[in-house]
């Protein structure tokens, strides 16, 4: 198993799928490809699940598990976010690859404005994108930037902990839900009593967490969080929807005042088929943007503000980012058009033909 995992990581896999009745599969350059020819038996898959679960107490309850999240490390290879699940009464395991090295804003090729947003003393900074869009790496790069350039206390609440941050110029306290704290909301409330300057919330999914996050931003902390939303406008809609119906008017005002910026991204295949590259959409909390957020009838103006605010504020739309990537030769025009329309990218020979 470890040899297969190591080979997959060396080939640039982002995820591994291990399922009873199927072969090992890995997601490489966005496509799920087989790594072996021999299919796994239910007993083999169960044994792998048992090995990946770090806690002896949790392993003792393996037979009763239906869904379980944890992290697992392999020396010299990397760390993995692990999800153990049941399907057709047998086990399946999905592993997300987390490199040991924490990426930087520069190494990911992110816009310079993200460094500026990371330098904010207070406020709410959201990183958005669908599953597998690289949000975790971007958030890690933001924390790495703060860690190298500031002298602050950074508290993270994650489920599970992914990138490991060593203390450089900052003190970084990383807490894992279910291990170090009871829940995301409980950990976030507790973080406010732990003299934090920066708080990272692994994911903003429920109203309780969203409310505490906005309060933390309002009271002088920089709050960085992830949202499973595809773009900037949808992220704003989702945040406002998390407020109680009778609190949404004031909620829009609170969000507009607290928001420092939203970074939304999607990963696209490179024209040379050597990996993927991120298309980035950025909103900065300027006075005009704040005025739009307060009034839902003006939300349609946000894309115009992003497009026009590129030179002065570093904002940009997905369309502008895609145009830049095509101009630089990073992606093909076909890939850009498919991303704009939300269509799947053509695979194999057809896409290579388009690239040529």
Foldseek 3Di string as FASTA:
>chain_A
DVVLLQVCVVQPFFKWKAWAPAAIWTQHLNDIGGSDDDGHHLVRQLVVVLVADDDPVVSVCSLVDAWDWDKGADPPRFIWTWIWHDDPSGIMIMIGGFHQDQDACVVQVHFPLLLVLLPDQFFEEEEEAAPPFCSVSSVSNSVVSCQAPHQFEEEEEAQADGHDDDRDNYHYHYHYDPPRHPDQLRSLVVVVVVRGQEYEYAADDALSNLVSQLVRRVVGHYYYYYYNDADDLVVLVVSLVRDDPVCSLVSLLSNLVRHQKYKHWGWFAWLVNSHTHIQIFMDGSDPVVSVQSSDVVNSVCRQVCQPVCCPPNNGHHSLVSLVVCCVVRGHFPQRSVCVVVVHDDDDDPVSNVRSD
